[in-house]
Amino acid sequence: MARNDDLLKGMALGLGAAILAPVVIAALMPVIRPMARSALKAGIWAYEKGRETFEEFGETVDDLVAEVEGELLEAREAEEPGDELEERTVGAADT
């Protein structure tokens, strides 16, 4: 019998919630709608700011990579031609 009582209580609560939910939602809609709109605005604003920040970060990394590549190129060009020939000879002998 106890199982049937629990089942009936559960069904009654579920049915009551199903009937009352639309009424409660309709009554709270004037309050919920502005809150939902402001939450969505905040989320969109945060997304856009985050995207801008990551784009700026990507540009900074690209600039840094270009600077390092330029420095490496200058360092290679500054090496003496004899050193470069010697390195190529040693590298060819290793393979």
N, C-alpha and C. Protein backbone atom coordinates (compact mmCIF):
# COMPACT_ATOMS: atom_id res chain seq x y z
N MET A 1 0.80 -1.20 0.00
CA MET A 1 0.00 0.00 0.00
C MET A 1 0.85 1.27 0.00
N ALA A 2 1.96 1.22 0.69
CA ALA A 2 2.81 2.40 0.79
C ALA A 2 3.32 2.82 -0.58
N ARG A 3 3.57 1.85 -1.44
CA ARG A 3 4.03 2.18 -2.78
C ARG A 3 2.95 2.90 -3.57
N ASN A 4 1.77 2.50 -3.46
CA ASN A 4 0.66 3.14 -4.17
C ASN A 4 0.45 4.56 -3.67
N ASP A 5 0.61 4.77 -2.37
CA ASP A 5 0.45 6.11 -1.82
C ASP A 5 1.54 7.04 -2.36
N ASP A 6 2.77 6.55 -2.40
CA ASP A 6 3.86 7.36 -2.94
C ASP A 6 3.65 7.66 -4.42
N LEU A 7 3.15 6.66 -5.13
CA LEU A 7 2.88 6.85 -6.55
C LEU A 7 1.79 7.90 -6.77
N LEU A 8 0.75 7.83 -5.99
CA LEU A 8 -0.34 8.79 -6.11
C LEU A 8 0.12 10.19 -5.72
N LYS A 9 0.92 10.28 -4.67
CA LYS A 9 1.45 11.59 -4.28
C LYS A 9 2.32 12.17 -5.40
N GLY A 10 3.18 11.36 -5.97
CA GLY A 10 4.05 11.82 -7.05
C GLY A 10 3.27 12.26 -8.26
N MET A 11 2.24 11.49 -8.61
CA MET A 11 1.42 11.85 -9.76
C MET A 11 0.65 13.14 -9.49
N ALA A 12 0.16 13.30 -8.28
CA ALA A 12 -0.58 14.51 -7.93
C ALA A 12 0.33 15.73 -7.98
N LEU A 13 1.54 15.59 -7.45
CA LEU A 13 2.49 16.71 -7.50
C LEU A 13 2.86 17.05 -8.94
N GLY A 14 3.10 16.04 -9.76
CA GLY A 14 3.44 16.29 -11.16
C GLY A 14 2.31 16.96 -11.91
N LEU A 15 1.10 16.50 -11.68
CA LEU A 15 -0.06 17.09 -12.34
C LEU A 15 -0.27 18.53 -11.87
N GLY A 16 -0.12 18.75 -10.58
CA GLY A 16 -0.27 20.11 -10.04
C GLY A 16 0.79 21.06 -10.61
N ALA A 17 2.03 20.57 -10.71
CA ALA A 17 3.10 21.40 -11.28
C ALA A 17 2.83 21.68 -12.75
N ALA A 18 2.33 20.69 -13.47
CA ALA A 18 2.04 20.88 -14.90
C ALA A 18 0.91 21.89 -15.10
N ILE A 19 -0.04 21.92 -14.20
CA ILE A 19 -1.15 22.87 -14.32
C ILE A 19 -0.72 24.26 -13.88
N LEU A 20 0.05 24.34 -12.80
CA LEU A 20 0.43 25.64 -12.25
C LEU A 20 1.59 26.30 -12.99
N ALA A 21 2.43 25.54 -13.64
CA ALA A 21 3.61 26.11 -14.29
C ALA A 21 3.25 27.19 -15.31
N PRO A 22 2.33 26.97 -16.22
CA PRO A 22 2.00 28.04 -17.17
C PRO A 22 1.41 29.28 -16.49
N VAL A 23 0.64 29.07 -15.43
CA VAL A 23 0.05 30.21 -14.73
C VAL A 23 1.13 31.03 -14.04
N VAL A 24 2.05 30.34 -13.37
CA VAL A 24 3.14 31.02 -12.67
C VAL A 24 4.05 31.73 -13.67
N ILE A 25 4.36 31.06 -14.75
CA ILE A 25 5.23 31.67 -15.76
C ILE A 25 4.57 32.90 -16.36
N ALA A 26 3.29 32.82 -16.65
CA ALA A 26 2.58 33.97 -17.21
C ALA A 26 2.54 35.13 -16.22
N ALA A 27 2.39 34.82 -14.94
CA ALA A 27 2.34 35.88 -13.93
C ALA A 27 3.71 36.53 -13.74
N LEU A 28 4.77 35.75 -13.88
CA LEU A 28 6.12 36.28 -13.67
C LEU A 28 6.76 36.83 -14.94
N MET A 29 6.11 36.68 -16.07
CA MET A 29 6.68 37.10 -17.34
C MET A 29 7.08 38.58 -17.37
N PRO A 30 6.28 39.50 -16.82
CA PRO A 30 6.70 40.91 -16.84
C PRO A 30 8.00 41.14 -16.08
N VAL A 31 8.32 40.31 -15.13
CA VAL A 31 9.56 40.45 -14.37
C VAL A 31 10.69 39.67 -15.04
N ILE A 32 10.39 38.49 -15.54
CA ILE A 32 11.41 37.61 -16.11
C ILE A 32 11.94 38.15 -17.44
N ARG A 33 11.07 38.70 -18.26
CA ARG A 33 11.49 39.15 -19.60
C ARG A 33 12.58 40.22 -19.55
N PRO A 34 12.45 41.28 -18.75
CA PRO A 34 13.54 42.28 -18.71
C PRO A 34 14.84 41.69 -18.14
N MET A 35 14.70 40.78 -17.18
CA MET A 35 15.90 40.16 -16.63
C MET A 35 16.58 39.29 -17.68
N ALA A 36 15.80 38.57 -18.44
CA ALA A 36 16.37 37.72 -19.49
C ALA A 36 17.03 38.57 -20.57
N ARG A 37 16.39 39.67 -20.93
CA ARG A 37 16.96 40.56 -21.94
C ARG A 37 18.29 41.14 -21.49
N SER A 38 18.35 41.59 -20.23
CA SER A 38 19.60 42.16 -19.73
C SER A 38 20.68 41.10 -19.62
N ALA A 39 20.30 39.87 -19.26
CA ALA A 39 21.28 38.78 -19.21
C ALA A 39 21.82 38.47 -20.60
N LEU A 40 20.95 38.46 -21.59
CA LEU A 40 21.39 38.22 -22.96
C LEU A 40 22.29 39.34 -23.47
N LYS A 41 21.94 40.58 -23.16
CA LYS A 41 22.78 41.71 -23.55
C LYS A 41 24.17 41.60 -22.94
N ALA A 42 24.21 41.25 -21.66
CA ALA A 42 25.50 41.10 -20.99
C ALA A 42 26.31 39.98 -21.61
N GLY A 43 25.65 38.89 -21.95
CA GLY A 43 26.36 37.77 -22.57
C GLY A 43 26.91 38.13 -23.94
N ILE A 44 26.12 38.83 -24.74
CA ILE A 44 26.57 39.24 -26.07
C ILE A 44 27.72 40.23 -25.95
N TRP A 45 27.62 41.18 -25.02
CA TRP A 45 28.69 42.16 -24.80
C TRP A 45 29.97 41.45 -24.39
N ALA A 46 29.89 40.49 -23.46
CA ALA A 46 31.07 39.76 -23.00
C ALA A 46 31.68 38.96 -24.14
N TYR A 47 30.85 38.35 -24.97
CA TYR A 47 31.35 37.59 -26.12
C TYR A 47 32.12 38.50 -27.08
N GLU A 48 31.53 39.66 -27.40
CA GLU A 48 32.19 40.58 -28.33
C GLU A 48 33.50 41.11 -27.77
N LYS A 49 33.52 41.45 -26.48
CA LYS A 49 34.76 41.94 -25.87
C LYS A 49 35.82 40.84 -25.86
N GLY A 50 35.40 39.62 -25.57
CA GLY A 50 36.34 38.51 -25.57
C GLY A 50 36.92 38.26 -26.95
N ARG A 51 36.06 38.35 -27.96
CA ARG A 51 36.52 38.15 -29.33
C ARG A 51 37.51 39.24 -29.72
N GLU A 52 37.22 40.49 -29.36
CA GLU A 52 38.14 41.59 -29.66
C GLU A 52 39.48 41.38 -28.97
N THR A 53 39.43 40.96 -27.72
CA THR A 53 40.65 40.74 -26.96
C THR A 53 41.50 39.65 -27.60
N PHE A 54 40.86 38.55 -28.00
CA PHE A 54 41.61 37.47 -28.64
C PHE A 54 42.17 37.88 -29.99
N GLU A 55 41.44 38.71 -30.73
CA GLU A 55 41.96 39.20 -32.00
C GLU A 55 43.18 40.07 -31.78
N GLU A 56 43.13 40.96 -30.78
CA GLU A 56 44.28 41.80 -30.46
C GLU A 56 45.46 40.95 -30.01
N PHE A 57 45.19 39.93 -29.22
CA PHE A 57 46.25 39.03 -28.77
C PHE A 57 46.88 38.31 -29.96
N GLY A 58 46.05 37.86 -30.90
CA GLY A 58 46.56 37.20 -32.10
C GLY A 58 47.43 38.13 -32.92
N GLU A 59 47.02 39.39 -33.05
CA GLU A 59 47.83 40.36 -33.79
C GLU A 59 49.17 40.59 -33.09
N THR A 60 49.14 40.65 -31.77
CA THR A 60 50.38 40.85 -31.01
C THR A 60 51.32 39.67 -31.21
N VAL A 61 50.78 38.47 -31.17
CA VAL A 61 51.61 37.28 -31.38
C VAL A 61 52.16 37.28 -32.81
N ASP A 62 51.36 37.64 -33.79
CA ASP A 62 51.84 37.70 -35.17
C ASP A 62 52.97 38.71 -35.31
N ASP A 63 52.82 39.88 -34.68
CA ASP A 63 53.87 40.88 -34.72
C ASP A 63 55.15 40.37 -34.06
N LEU A 64 55.01 39.70 -32.94
CA LEU A 64 56.16 39.16 -32.23
C LEU A 64 56.87 38.10 -33.07
N VAL A 65 56.11 37.23 -33.72
CA VAL A 65 56.70 36.20 -34.58
C VAL A 65 57.44 36.86 -35.74
N ALA A 66 56.86 37.89 -36.33
CA ALA A 66 57.51 38.58 -37.44
C ALA A 66 58.81 39.23 -36.99
N GLU A 67 58.82 39.82 -35.79
CA GLU A 67 60.04 40.43 -35.27
C GLU A 67 61.13 39.39 -35.04
N VAL A 68 60.76 38.27 -34.47
CA VAL A 68 61.74 37.21 -34.21
C VAL A 68 62.28 36.64 -35.51
N GLU A 69 61.40 36.42 -36.48
CA GLU A 69 61.86 35.92 -37.77
C GLU A 69 62.81 36.91 -38.43
N GLY A 70 62.52 38.21 -38.31
CA GLY A 70 63.41 39.24 -38.86
C GLY A 70 64.76 39.22 -38.17
N GLU A 71 64.77 39.07 -36.85
CA GLU A 71 66.03 39.02 -36.12
C GLU A 71 66.83 37.78 -36.51
N LEU A 72 66.15 36.66 -36.69
CA LEU A 72 66.86 35.44 -37.10
C LEU A 72 67.45 35.60 -38.50
N LEU A 73 66.70 36.22 -39.39
CA LEU A 73 67.20 36.45 -40.74
C LEU A 73 68.42 37.36 -40.72
N GLU A 74 68.37 38.43 -39.92
CA GLU A 74 69.51 39.34 -39.79
C GLU A 74 70.72 38.61 -39.22
N ALA A 75 70.48 37.73 -38.25
CA ALA A 75 71.58 36.99 -37.65
C ALA A 75 72.21 36.05 -38.67
N ARG A 76 71.40 35.42 -39.50
CA ARG A 76 71.94 34.52 -40.53
C ARG A 76 72.74 35.29 -41.57
N GLU A 77 72.23 36.47 -41.94
CA GLU A 77 72.92 37.28 -42.94
C GLU A 77 74.21 37.85 -42.39
N ALA A 78 74.28 38.05 -41.08
CA ALA A 78 75.47 38.62 -40.47
C ALA A 78 76.58 37.58 -40.31
N GLU A 79 76.25 36.31 -40.40
CA GLU A 79 77.28 35.28 -40.29
C GLU A 79 78.24 35.39 -41.46
N GLU A 80 79.45 34.96 -41.24
CA GLU A 80 80.45 35.00 -42.30
C GLU A 80 80.17 33.87 -43.30
N PRO A 81 80.45 34.12 -44.57
CA PRO A 81 80.19 33.09 -45.58
C PRO A 81 80.97 31.80 -45.32
N GLY A 82 82.15 31.88 -44.76
CA GLY A 82 82.95 30.70 -44.47
C GLY A 82 82.27 29.82 -43.43
N ASP A 83 81.66 30.42 -42.42
CA ASP A 83 80.96 29.65 -41.40
C ASP A 83 79.76 28.92 -42.02
N GLU A 84 79.08 29.59 -42.93
CA GLU A 84 77.91 28.99 -43.55
C GLU A 84 78.31 27.79 -44.40
N LEU A 85 79.42 27.92 -45.14
CA LEU A 85 79.89 26.82 -45.97
C LEU A 85 80.32 25.65 -45.08
N GLU A 86 80.97 25.98 -44.00
CA GLU A 86 81.43 24.94 -43.08
C GLU A 86 80.25 24.19 -42.47
N GLU A 87 79.18 24.91 -42.09
CA GLU A 87 78.00 24.29 -41.53
C GLU A 87 77.32 23.38 -42.56
N ARG A 88 77.25 23.82 -43.80
CA ARG A 88 76.62 23.00 -44.83
C ARG A 88 77.44 21.73 -45.07
N THR A 89 78.76 21.84 -45.03
CA THR A 89 79.62 20.69 -45.23
C THR A 89 79.46 19.69 -44.11
N VAL A 90 79.42 20.19 -42.87
CA VAL A 90 79.24 19.31 -41.72
C VAL A 90 77.87 18.67 -41.76
N GLY A 91 76.84 19.43 -42.10
CA GLY A 91 75.50 18.90 -42.21
C GLY A 91 75.38 17.85 -43.28
N ALA A 92 76.06 18.02 -44.41
CA ALA A 92 76.02 17.04 -45.48
C ALA A 92 76.75 15.77 -45.08
N ALA A 93 77.83 15.89 -44.31
CA ALA A 93 78.57 14.72 -43.86
C ALA A 93 77.79 13.92 -42.84
N ASP A 94 76.93 14.57 -42.08
CA ASP A 94 76.13 13.87 -41.06
C ASP A 94 75.06 12.99 -41.67
N THR A 95 74.57 13.34 -42.86
CA THR A 95 73.47 12.56 -43.45
C THR A 95 73.93 11.41 -44.24
